[in-house]
Amino acid sequence: MIRHSDQPAYTMEIATDPEENAKARKLQQQFEANVAWLEAHAAEVYSHRGEHICIAGRELFAADSLDGVLAQAAAAHPEDEGAYVRYIPRQKVPRVYAHHRHLAHV
């Protein structure tokens, strides 16, 4: 296998601590609830063009800066650790999403 020298090495571990697993499940459930809220209110969410949005506690927050939107969400829902955060581009244009991979030079 050819590996590019700038790629980080990854280590995978199996988490067996019941307390840690319960915390991860809670975080995942909170995130999934926020994403479900996003899907149900997409028109409202995507009307915030050129802004950062955060959905926490199944509530939408929007601000011009990432720090601003995170502060709003944390103040209103400090218990929600599964917030969904995203920047909504100013212009609605077609976008191409592709996997960027490094190829070895031959």
PDB file of N, CA and C in Angstrom:
ATOM      1  N   MET A   1       0.841  -1.174   0.000  1.00  0.00           N
ATOM      2  CA  MET A   1       0.000   0.000   0.000  1.00  0.00           C
ATOM      3  C   MET A   1       0.885   1.236   0.000  1.00  0.00           C
ATOM      4  N   ILE A   2       0.527   2.206  -0.802  1.00  0.00           N
ATOM      5  CA  ILE A   2       1.270   3.462  -0.852  1.00  0.00           C
ATOM      6  C   ILE A   2       0.545   4.458   0.036  1.00  0.00           C
ATOM      7  N   ARG A   3       1.269   5.080   0.934  1.00  0.00           N
ATOM      8  CA  ARG A   3       0.682   6.035   1.859  1.00  0.00           C
ATOM      9  C   ARG A   3       1.381   7.372   1.701  1.00  0.00           C
ATOM     10  N   HIS A   4       0.602   8.400   1.550  1.00  0.00           N
ATOM     11  CA  HIS A   4       1.138   9.750   1.452  1.00  0.00           C
ATOM     12  C   HIS A   4       1.648  10.147   2.833  1.00  0.00           C
ATOM     13  N   SER A   5       2.774  10.782   2.911  1.00  0.00           N
ATOM     14  CA  SER A   5       3.404  11.075   4.208  1.00  0.00           C
ATOM     15  C   SER A   5       2.624  12.079   5.049  1.00  0.00           C
ATOM     16  N   ASP A   6       1.737  12.868   4.436  1.00  0.00           N
ATOM     17  CA  ASP A   6       0.975  13.860   5.196  1.00  0.00           C
ATOM     18  C   ASP A   6      -0.294  13.286   5.818  1.00  0.00           C
ATOM     19  N   GLN A   7      -0.626  12.052   5.499  1.00  0.00           N
ATOM     20  CA  GLN A   7      -1.830  11.460   6.050  1.00  0.00           C
ATOM     21  C   GLN A   7      -1.587  11.031   7.494  1.00  0.00           C
ATOM     22  N   PRO A   8      -2.501  11.391   8.390  1.00  0.00           N
ATOM     23  CA  PRO A   8      -2.322  10.982   9.787  1.00  0.00           C
ATOM     24  C   PRO A   8      -2.570   9.492   9.971  1.00  0.00           C
ATOM     25  N   ALA A   9      -1.949   8.917  10.955  1.00  0.00           N
ATOM     26  CA  ALA A   9      -2.191   7.521  11.303  1.00  0.00           C
ATOM     27  C   ALA A   9      -3.418   7.477  12.220  1.00  0.00           C
ATOM     28  N   TYR A  10      -4.270   6.493  12.047  1.00  0.00           N
ATOM     29  CA  TYR A  10      -5.473   6.363  12.859  1.00  0.00           C
ATOM     30  C   TYR A  10      -5.365   5.132  13.737  1.00  0.00           C
ATOM     31  N   THR A  11      -5.905   5.240  14.926  1.00  0.00           N
ATOM     32  CA  THR A  11      -5.981   4.122  15.847  1.00  0.00           C
ATOM     33  C   THR A  11      -7.443   3.926  16.207  1.00  0.00           C
ATOM     34  N   MET A  12      -7.930   2.712  16.100  1.00  0.00           N
ATOM     35  CA  MET A  12      -9.301   2.402  16.471  1.00  0.00           C
ATOM     36  C   MET A  12      -9.296   1.574  17.742  1.00  0.00           C
ATOM     37  N   GLU A  13     -10.232   1.910  18.623  1.00  0.00           N
ATOM     38  CA  GLU A  13     -10.369   1.180  19.871  1.00  0.00           C
ATOM     39  C   GLU A  13     -11.830   0.801  20.055  1.00  0.00           C
ATOM     40  N   ILE A  14     -12.078  -0.282  20.720  1.00  0.00           N
ATOM     41  CA  ILE A  14     -13.430  -0.692  21.049  1.00  0.00           C
ATOM     42  C   ILE A  14     -13.736  -0.177  22.443  1.00  0.00           C
ATOM     43  N   ALA A  15     -14.785   0.644  22.536  1.00  0.00           N
ATOM     44  CA  ALA A  15     -15.181   1.210  23.824  1.00  0.00           C
ATOM     45  C   ALA A  15     -16.069   0.200  24.544  1.00  0.00           C
ATOM     46  N   THR A  16     -15.658  -0.209  25.718  1.00  0.00           N
ATOM     47  CA  THR A  16     -16.427  -1.191  26.489  1.00  0.00           C
ATOM     48  C   THR A  16     -16.950  -0.623  27.800  1.00  0.00           C
ATOM     49  N   ASP A  17     -16.589   0.604  28.123  1.00  0.00           N
ATOM     50  CA  ASP A  17     -17.041   1.232  29.364  1.00  0.00           C
ATOM     51  C   ASP A  17     -18.526   1.577  29.233  1.00  0.00           C
ATOM     52  N   PRO A  18     -19.398   0.978  30.051  1.00  0.00           N
ATOM     53  CA  PRO A  18     -20.846   1.221  29.939  1.00  0.00           C
ATOM     54  C   PRO A  18     -21.213   2.693  30.100  1.00  0.00           C
ATOM     55  N   GLU A  19     -20.518   3.399  30.970  1.00  0.00           N
ATOM     56  CA  GLU A  19     -20.804   4.820  31.187  1.00  0.00           C
ATOM     57  C   GLU A  19     -20.461   5.641  29.942  1.00  0.00           C
ATOM     58  N   GLU A  20     -19.325   5.348  29.338  1.00  0.00           N
ATOM     59  CA  GLU A  20     -18.901   6.039  28.121  1.00  0.00           C
ATOM     60  C   GLU A  20     -19.845   5.729  26.964  1.00  0.00           C
ATOM     61  N   ASN A  21     -20.264   4.481  26.858  1.00  0.00           N
ATOM     62  CA  ASN A  21     -21.192   4.086  25.800  1.00  0.00           C
ATOM     63  C   ASN A  21     -22.559   4.753  25.976  1.00  0.00           C
ATOM     64  N   ALA A  22     -23.026   4.869  27.206  1.00  0.00           N
ATOM     65  CA  ALA A  22     -24.308   5.523  27.470  1.00  0.00           C
ATOM     66  C   ALA A  22     -24.234   7.005  27.087  1.00  0.00           C
ATOM     67  N   LYS A  23     -23.125   7.646  27.392  1.00  0.00           N
ATOM     68  CA  LYS A  23     -22.941   9.051  27.034  1.00  0.00           C
ATOM     69  C   LYS A  23     -22.931   9.222  25.515  1.00  0.00           C
ATOM     70  N   ALA A  24     -22.274   8.314  24.809  1.00  0.00           N
ATOM     71  CA  ALA A  24     -22.226   8.372  23.350  1.00  0.00           C
ATOM     72  C   ALA A  24     -23.612   8.149  22.744  1.00  0.00           C
ATOM     73  N   ARG A  25     -24.392   7.209  23.308  1.00  0.00           N
ATOM     74  CA  ARG A  25     -25.751   6.974  22.818  1.00  0.00           C
ATOM     75  C   ARG A  25     -26.629   8.205  23.023  1.00  0.00           C
ATOM     76  N   LYS A  26     -26.502   8.857  24.188  1.00  0.00           N
ATOM     77  CA  LYS A  26     -27.284  10.063  24.478  1.00  0.00           C
ATOM     78  C   LYS A  26     -26.939  11.169  23.489  1.00  0.00           C
ATOM     79  N   LEU A  27     -25.654  11.374  23.226  1.00  0.00           N
ATOM     80  CA  LEU A  27     -25.208  12.387  22.281  1.00  0.00           C
ATOM     81  C   LEU A  27     -25.762  12.094  20.891  1.00  0.00           C
ATOM     82  N   GLN A  28     -25.713  10.829  20.468  1.00  0.00           N
ATOM     83  CA  GLN A  28     -26.228  10.428  19.152  1.00  0.00           C
ATOM     84  C   GLN A  28     -27.729  10.674  19.066  1.00  0.00           C
ATOM     85  N   GLN A  29     -28.464  10.370  20.115  1.00  0.00           N
ATOM     86  CA  GLN A  29     -29.910  10.585  20.121  1.00  0.00           C
ATOM     87  C   GLN A  29     -30.246  12.072  20.025  1.00  0.00           C
ATOM     88  N   GLN A  30     -29.486  12.914  20.739  1.00  0.00           N
ATOM     89  CA  GLN A  30     -29.708  14.353  20.674  1.00  0.00           C
ATOM     90  C   GLN A  30     -29.424  14.868  19.256  1.00  0.00           C
ATOM     91  N   PHE A  31     -28.331  14.411  18.660  1.00  0.00           N
ATOM     92  CA  PHE A  31     -27.979  14.822  17.304  1.00  0.00           C
ATOM     93  C   PHE A  31     -29.065  14.401  16.321  1.00  0.00           C
ATOM     94  N   GLU A  32     -29.514  13.152  16.403  1.00  0.00           N
ATOM     95  CA  GLU A  32     -30.547  12.655  15.492  1.00  0.00           C
ATOM     96  C   GLU A  32     -31.849  13.434  15.647  1.00  0.00           C
ATOM     97  N   ALA A  33     -32.201  13.823  16.873  1.00  0.00           N
ATOM     98  CA  ALA A  33     -33.411  14.627  17.100  1.00  0.00           C
ATOM     99  C   ALA A  33     -33.266  16.004  16.444  1.00  0.00           C
ATOM    100  N   ASN A  34     -32.085  16.593  16.528  1.00  0.00           N
ATOM    101  CA  ASN A  34     -31.854  17.902  15.916  1.00  0.00           C
ATOM    102  C   ASN A  34     -31.873  17.807  14.385  1.00  0.00           C
ATOM    103  N   VAL A  35     -31.325  16.741  13.832  1.00  0.00           N
ATOM    104  CA  VAL A  35     -31.348  16.549  12.374  1.00  0.00           C
ATOM    105  C   VAL A  35     -32.789  16.307  11.901  1.00  0.00           C
ATOM    106  N   ALA A  36     -33.575  15.565  12.667  1.00  0.00           N
ATOM    107  CA  ALA A  36     -34.983  15.341  12.307  1.00  0.00           C
ATOM    108  C   ALA A  36     -35.734  16.671  12.313  1.00  0.00           C
ATOM    109  N   TRP A  37     -35.431  17.532  13.278  1.00  0.00           N
ATOM    110  CA  TRP A  37     -36.058  18.856  13.319  1.00  0.00           C
ATOM    111  C   TRP A  37     -35.663  19.658  12.078  1.00  0.00           C
ATOM    112  N   LEU A  38     -34.396  19.591  11.706  1.00  0.00           N
ATOM    113  CA  LEU A  38     -33.922  20.270  10.493  1.00  0.00           C
ATOM    114  C   LEU A  38     -34.702  19.809   9.274  1.00  0.00           C
ATOM    115  N   GLU A  39     -34.860  18.522   9.117  1.00  0.00           N
ATOM    116  CA  GLU A  39     -35.566  17.984   7.959  1.00  0.00           C
ATOM    117  C   GLU A  39     -37.026  18.445   7.921  1.00  0.00           C
ATOM    118  N   ALA A  40     -37.648  18.585   9.087  1.00  0.00           N
ATOM    119  CA  ALA A  40     -39.044  19.021   9.161  1.00  0.00           C
ATOM    120  C   ALA A  40     -39.191  20.527   8.927  1.00  0.00           C
ATOM    121  N   HIS A  41     -38.123  21.297   9.125  1.00  0.00           N
ATOM    122  CA  HIS A  41     -38.174  22.760   9.012  1.00  0.00           C
ATOM    123  C   HIS A  41     -37.138  23.287   8.022  1.00  0.00           C
ATOM    124  N   ALA A  42     -36.855  22.523   6.987  1.00  0.00           N
ATOM    125  CA  ALA A  42     -35.777  22.876   6.049  1.00  0.00           C
ATOM    126  C   ALA A  42     -35.974  24.243   5.401  1.00  0.00           C
ATOM    127  N   ALA A  43     -37.185  24.597   5.013  1.00  0.00           N
ATOM    128  CA  ALA A  43     -37.417  25.887   4.358  1.00  0.00           C
ATOM    129  C   ALA A  43     -37.014  27.041   5.271  1.00  0.00           C
ATOM    130  N   GLU A  44     -37.365  26.954   6.535  1.00  0.00           N
ATOM    131  CA  GLU A  44     -36.998  27.995   7.504  1.00  0.00           C
ATOM    132  C   GLU A  44     -35.484  28.045   7.700  1.00  0.00           C
ATOM    133  N   VAL A  45     -34.873  26.876   7.837  1.00  0.00           N
ATOM    134  CA  VAL A  45     -33.427  26.809   8.095  1.00  0.00           C
ATOM    135  C   VAL A  45     -32.645  27.383   6.928  1.00  0.00           C
ATOM    136  N   TYR A  46     -32.983  26.969   5.714  1.00  0.00           N
ATOM    137  CA  TYR A  46     -32.206  27.384   4.547  1.00  0.00           C
ATOM    138  C   TYR A  46     -32.539  28.793   4.067  1.00  0.00           C
ATOM    139  N   SER A  47     -33.419  29.490   4.764  1.00  0.00           N
ATOM    140  CA  SER A  47     -33.670  30.896   4.444  1.00  0.00           C
ATOM    141  C   SER A  47     -32.589  31.796   5.048  1.00  0.00           C
ATOM    142  N   HIS A  48     -31.725  31.238   5.868  1.00  0.00           N
ATOM    143  CA  HIS A  48     -30.651  31.992   6.525  1.00  0.00           C
ATOM    144  C   HIS A  48     -29.373  31.950   5.693  1.00  0.00           C
ATOM    145  N   ARG A  49     -29.459  32.412   4.451  1.00  0.00           N
ATOM    146  CA  ARG A  49     -28.311  32.391   3.535  1.00  0.00           C
ATOM    147  C   ARG A  49     -27.225  33.342   4.021  1.00  0.00           C
ATOM    148  N   GLY A  50     -25.963  32.862   3.942  1.00  0.00           N
ATOM    149  CA  GLY A  50     -24.825  33.665   4.364  1.00  0.00           C
ATOM    150  C   GLY A  50     -24.628  33.694   5.871  1.00  0.00           C
ATOM    151  N   GLU A  51     -25.288  32.784   6.579  1.00  0.00           N
ATOM    152  CA  GLU A  51     -25.175  32.742   8.038  1.00  0.00           C
ATOM    153  C   GLU A  51     -24.796  31.336   8.509  1.00  0.00           C
ATOM    154  N   HIS A  52     -24.268  31.293   9.709  1.00  0.00           N
ATOM    155  CA  HIS A  52     -24.012  30.019  10.380  1.00  0.00           C
ATOM    156  C   HIS A  52     -25.291  29.668  11.119  1.00  0.00           C
ATOM    157  N   ILE A  53     -25.665  28.404  11.061  1.00  0.00           N
ATOM    158  CA  ILE A  53     -26.848  27.965  11.798  1.00  0.00           C
ATOM    159  C   ILE A  53     -26.455  26.864  12.775  1.00  0.00           C
ATOM    160  N   CYS A  54     -27.217  26.769  13.836  1.00  0.00           N
ATOM    161  CA  CYS A  54     -27.032  25.711  14.823  1.00  0.00           C
ATOM    162  C   CYS A  54     -28.423  25.274  15.264  1.00  0.00           C
ATOM    163  N   ILE A  55     -28.643  23.983  15.282  1.00  0.00           N
ATOM    164  CA  ILE A  55     -29.896  23.450  15.798  1.00  0.00           C
ATOM    165  C   ILE A  55     -29.545  22.696  17.071  1.00  0.00           C
ATOM    166  N   ALA A  56     -30.089  23.187  18.173  1.00  0.00           N
ATOM    167  CA  ALA A  56     -29.863  22.579  19.486  1.00  0.00           C
ATOM    168  C   ALA A  56     -31.190  22.582  20.231  1.00  0.00           C
ATOM    169  N   GLY A  57     -31.482  21.510  20.910  1.00  0.00           N
ATOM    170  CA  GLY A  57     -32.755  21.422  21.624  1.00  0.00           C
ATOM    171  C   GLY A  57     -33.943  21.552  20.694  1.00  0.00           C
ATOM    172  N   ARG A  58     -33.775  21.104  19.446  1.00  0.00           N
ATOM    173  CA  ARG A  58     -34.810  21.196  18.405  1.00  0.00           C
ATOM    174  C   ARG A  58     -35.259  22.640  18.207  1.00  0.00           C
ATOM    175  N   GLU A  59     -34.277  23.554  18.229  1.00  0.00           N
ATOM    176  CA  GLU A  59     -34.531  24.977  18.024  1.00  0.00           C
ATOM    177  C   GLU A  59     -33.432  25.541  17.129  1.00  0.00           C
ATOM    178  N   LEU A  60     -33.791  26.457  16.244  1.00  0.00           N
ATOM    179  CA  LEU A  60     -32.853  27.043  15.295  1.00  0.00           C
ATOM    180  C   LEU A  60     -32.224  28.314  15.842  1.00  0.00           C
ATOM    181  N   PHE A  61     -30.915  28.416  15.668  1.00  0.00           N
ATOM    182  CA  PHE A  61     -30.168  29.630  15.993  1.00  0.00           C
ATOM    183  C   PHE A  61     -29.369  30.011  14.752  1.00  0.00           C
ATOM    184  N   ALA A  62     -29.265  31.308  14.471  1.00  0.00           N
ATOM    185  CA  ALA A  62     -28.517  31.776  13.307  1.00  0.00           C
ATOM    186  C   ALA A  62     -27.729  33.015  13.693  1.00  0.00           C
ATOM    187  N   ALA A  63     -26.508  33.123  13.139  1.00  0.00           N
ATOM    188  CA  ALA A  63     -25.653  34.284  13.413  1.00  0.00           C
ATOM    189  C   ALA A  63     -24.641  34.422  12.286  1.00  0.00           C
ATOM    190  N   ASP A  64     -24.017  35.585  12.229  1.00  0.00           N
ATOM    191  CA  ASP A  64     -23.003  35.839  11.205  1.00  0.00           C
ATOM    192  C   ASP A  64     -21.694  35.109  11.478  1.00  0.00           C
ATOM    193  N   SER A  65     -21.470  34.720  12.729  1.00  0.00           N
ATOM    194  CA  SER A  65     -20.216  34.038  13.068  1.00  0.00           C
ATOM    195  C   SER A  65     -20.508  32.701  13.735  1.00  0.00           C
ATOM    196  N   LEU A  66     -19.552  31.805  13.609  1.00  0.00           N
ATOM    197  CA  LEU A  66     -19.684  30.488  14.236  1.00  0.00           C
ATOM    198  C   LEU A  66     -19.709  30.624  15.754  1.00  0.00           C
ATOM    199  N   ASP A  67     -18.823  31.456  16.292  1.00  0.00           N
ATOM    200  CA  ASP A  67     -18.796  31.653  17.746  1.00  0.00           C
ATOM    201  C   ASP A  67     -20.118  32.216  18.253  1.00  0.00           C
ATOM    202  N   GLY A  68     -20.696  33.122  17.484  1.00  0.00           N
ATOM    203  CA  GLY A  68     -21.963  33.733  17.892  1.00  0.00           C
ATOM    204  C   GLY A  68     -23.099  32.732  17.958  1.00  0.00           C
ATOM    205  N   VAL A  69     -23.202  31.890  16.941  1.00  0.00           N
ATOM    206  CA  VAL A  69     -24.298  30.923  16.911  1.00  0.00           C
ATOM    207  C   VAL A  69     -24.099  29.846  17.988  1.00  0.00           C
ATOM    208  N   LEU A  70     -22.856  29.441  18.219  1.00  0.00           N
ATOM    209  CA  LEU A  70     -22.599  28.447  19.267  1.00  0.00           C
ATOM    210  C   LEU A  70     -22.903  29.013  20.652  1.00  0.00           C
ATOM    211  N   ALA A  71     -22.602  30.291  20.869  1.00  0.00           N
ATOM    212  CA  ALA A  71     -22.897  30.934  22.158  1.00  0.00           C
ATOM    213  C   ALA A  71     -24.405  31.001  22.390  1.00  0.00           C
ATOM    214  N   GLN A  72     -25.157  31.349  21.350  1.00  0.00           N
ATOM    215  CA  GLN A  72     -26.622  31.402  21.476  1.00  0.00           C
ATOM    216  C   GLN A  72     -27.191  30.036  21.853  1.00  0.00           C
ATOM    217  N   ALA A  73     -26.745  29.007  21.135  1.00  0.00           N
ATOM    218  CA  ALA A  73     -27.262  27.656  21.373  1.00  0.00           C
ATOM    219  C   ALA A  73     -26.883  27.153  22.761  1.00  0.00           C
ATOM    220  N   ALA A  74     -25.640  27.406  23.176  1.00  0.00           N
ATOM    221  CA  ALA A  74     -25.189  26.946  24.492  1.00  0.00           C
ATOM    222  C   ALA A  74     -25.941  27.653  25.613  1.00  0.00           C
ATOM    223  N   ALA A  75     -26.245  28.934  25.426  1.00  0.00           N
ATOM    224  CA  ALA A  75     -26.985  29.681  26.452  1.00  0.00           C
ATOM    225  C   ALA A  75     -28.410  29.160  26.593  1.00  0.00           C
ATOM    226  N   ALA A  76     -29.041  28.818  25.479  1.00  0.00           N
ATOM    227  CA  ALA A  76     -30.426  28.361  25.511  1.00  0.00           C
ATOM    228  C   ALA A  76     -30.568  26.883  25.878  1.00  0.00           C
ATOM    229  N   HIS A  77     -29.593  26.068  25.454  1.00  0.00           N
ATOM    230  CA  HIS A  77     -29.684  24.615  25.676  1.00  0.00           C
ATOM    231  C   HIS A  77     -28.331  24.044  26.102  1.00  0.00           C
ATOM    232  N   PRO A  78     -27.881  24.367  27.304  1.00  0.00           N
ATOM    233  CA  PRO A  78     -26.565  23.871  27.736  1.00  0.00           C
ATOM    234  C   PRO A  78     -26.502  22.349  27.873  1.00  0.00           C
ATOM    235  N   GLU A  79     -27.651  21.696  28.000  1.00  0.00           N
ATOM    236  CA  GLU A  79     -27.681  20.244  28.165  1.00  0.00           C
ATOM    237  C   GLU A  79     -27.563  19.493  26.841  1.00  0.00           C
ATOM    238  N   ASP A  80     -27.780  20.181  25.716  1.00  0.00           N
ATOM    239  CA  ASP A  80     -27.760  19.520  24.412  1.00  0.00           C
ATOM    240  C   ASP A  80     -26.339  19.492  23.863  1.00  0.00           C
ATOM    241  N   GLU A  81     -25.748  18.309  23.841  1.00  0.00           N
ATOM    242  CA  GLU A  81     -24.389  18.138  23.330  1.00  0.00           C
ATOM    243  C   GLU A  81     -24.392  17.595  21.907  1.00  0.00           C
ATOM    244  N   GLY A  82     -25.574  17.404  21.332  1.00  0.00           N
ATOM    245  CA  GLY A  82     -25.688  16.856  19.990  1.00  0.00           C
ATOM    246  C   GLY A  82     -26.167  17.892  18.986  1.00  0.00           C
ATOM    247  N   ALA A  83     -25.652  19.098  19.088  1.00  0.00           N
ATOM    248  CA  ALA A  83     -26.074  20.178  18.197  1.00  0.00           C
ATOM    249  C   ALA A  83     -25.611  19.929  16.765  1.00  0.00           C
ATOM    250  N   TYR A  84     -26.418  20.402  15.817  1.00  0.00           N
ATOM    251  CA  TYR A  84     -26.098  20.330  14.396  1.00  0.00           C
ATOM    252  C   TYR A  84     -25.675  21.732  13.980  1.00  0.00           C
ATOM    253  N   VAL A  85     -24.482  21.862  13.408  1.00  0.00           N
ATOM    254  CA  VAL A  85     -23.941  23.173  13.036  1.00  0.00           C
ATOM    255  C   VAL A  85     -23.577  23.156  11.560  1.00  0.00           C
ATOM    256  N   ARG A  86     -23.853  24.286  10.882  1.00  0.00           N
ATOM    257  CA  ARG A  86     -23.562  24.358   9.460  1.00  0.00           C
ATOM    258  C   ARG A  86     -23.557  25.811   8.998  1.00  0.00           C
ATOM    259  N   TYR A  87     -22.804  26.078   7.934  1.00  0.00           N
ATOM    260  CA  TYR A  87     -22.842  27.387   7.283  1.00  0.00           C
ATOM    261  C   TYR A  87     -23.718  27.241   6.043  1.00  0.00           C
ATOM    262  N   ILE A  88     -24.661  28.163   5.863  1.00  0.00           N
ATOM    263  CA  ILE A  88     -25.526  28.139   4.689  1.00  0.00           C
ATOM    264  C   ILE A  88     -24.931  29.130   3.681  1.00  0.00           C
ATOM    265  N   PRO A  89     -24.440  28.646   2.549  1.00  0.00           N
ATOM    266  CA  PRO A  89     -23.829  29.547   1.558  1.00  0.00           C
ATOM    267  C   PRO A  89     -24.797  30.648   1.109  1.00  0.00           C
ATOM    268  N   ARG A  90     -24.242  31.822   0.821  1.00  0.00           N
ATOM    269  CA  ARG A  90     -25.047  32.977   0.439  1.00  0.00           C
ATOM    270  C   ARG A  90     -25.846  32.715  -0.846  1.00  0.00           C
ATOM    271  N   GLN A  91     -25.195  32.128  -1.836  1.00  0.00           N
ATOM    272  CA  GLN A  91     -25.864  31.877  -3.104  1.00  0.00           C
ATOM    273  C   GLN A  91     -26.290  30.422  -3.207  1.00  0.00           C
ATOM    274  N   LYS A  92     -27.470  30.223  -3.754  1.00  0.00           N
ATOM    275  CA  LYS A  92     -27.964  28.871  -3.980  1.00  0.00           C
ATOM    276  C   LYS A  92     -27.514  28.454  -5.380  1.00  0.00           C
ATOM    277  N   VAL A  93     -26.494  27.644  -5.443  1.00  0.00           N
ATOM    278  CA  VAL A  93     -25.950  27.182  -6.723  1.00  0.00           C
ATOM    279  C   VAL A  93     -25.744  25.677  -6.653  1.00  0.00           C
ATOM    280  N   PRO A  94     -25.703  25.017  -7.811  1.00  0.00           N
ATOM    281  CA  PRO A  94     -25.412  23.579  -7.795  1.00  0.00           C
ATOM    282  C   PRO A  94     -24.012  23.341  -7.240  1.00  0.00           C
ATOM    283  N   ARG A  95     -23.858  22.347  -6.440  1.00  0.00           N
ATOM    284  CA  ARG A  95     -22.566  22.022  -5.851  1.00  0.00           C
ATOM    285  C   ARG A  95     -22.211  20.573  -6.164  1.00  0.00           C
ATOM    286  N   VAL A  96     -20.937  20.337  -6.352  1.00  0.00           N
ATOM    287  CA  VAL A  96     -20.446  18.989  -6.615  1.00  0.00           C
ATOM    288  C   VAL A  96     -19.631  18.563  -5.400  1.00  0.00           C
ATOM    289  N   TYR A  97     -20.016  17.471  -4.806  1.00  0.00           N
ATOM    290  CA  TYR A  97     -19.287  16.938  -3.667  1.00  0.00           C
ATOM    291  C   TYR A  97     -18.565  15.678  -4.130  1.00  0.00           C
ATOM    292  N   ALA A  98     -17.284  15.644  -3.929  1.00  0.00           N
ATOM    293  CA  ALA A  98     -16.492  14.499  -4.375  1.00  0.00           C
ATOM    294  C   ALA A  98     -15.470  14.160  -3.313  1.00  0.00           C
ATOM    295  N   HIS A  99     -15.039  12.931  -3.344  1.00  0.00           N
ATOM    296  CA  HIS A  99     -14.019  12.478  -2.420  1.00  0.00           C
ATOM    297  C   HIS A  99     -12.659  12.969  -2.927  1.00  0.00           C
ATOM    298  N   HIS A 100     -11.959  13.702  -2.070  1.00  0.00           N
ATOM    299  CA  HIS A 100     -10.622  14.171  -2.433  1.00  0.00           C
ATOM    300  C   HIS A 100      -9.607  13.167  -1.904  1.00  0.00           C
ATOM    301  N   ARG A 101      -8.881  12.552  -2.777  1.00  0.00           N
ATOM    302  CA  ARG A 101      -7.893  11.600  -2.313  1.00  0.00           C
ATOM    303  C   ARG A 101      -6.563  11.913  -2.963  1.00  0.00           C
ATOM    304  N   HIS A 102      -5.539  11.546  -2.286  1.00  0.00           N
ATOM    305  CA  HIS A 102      -4.196  11.791  -2.772  1.00  0.00           C
ATOM    306  C   HIS A 102      -3.744  10.566  -3.559  1.00  0.00           C
ATOM    307  N   LEU A 103      -3.293  10.804  -4.750  1.00  0.00           N
ATOM    308  CA  LEU A 103      -2.801   9.713  -5.579  1.00  0.00           C
ATOM    309  C   LEU A 103      -1.279   9.728  -5.578  1.00  0.00           C
ATOM    310  N   ALA A 104      -0.706   8.580  -5.648  1.00  0.00           N
ATOM    311  CA  ALA A 104       0.753   8.471  -5.666  1.00  0.00           C
ATOM    312  C   ALA A 104       1.263   8.886  -7.041  1.00  0.00           C
ATOM    313  N   HIS A 105       2.375   9.592  -7.064  1.00  0.00           N
ATOM    314  CA  HIS A 105       3.000   9.964  -8.321  1.00  0.00           C
ATOM    315  C   HIS A 105       3.779   8.763  -8.853  1.00  0.00           C
ATOM    316  N   VAL A 106       3.628   8.490 -10.109  1.00  0.00           N
ATOM    317  CA  VAL A 106       4.313   7.332 -10.702  1.00  0.00           C
ATOM    318  C   VAL A 106       5.430   7.822 -11.580  1.00  0.00           C
TER     319      VAL A 106
END
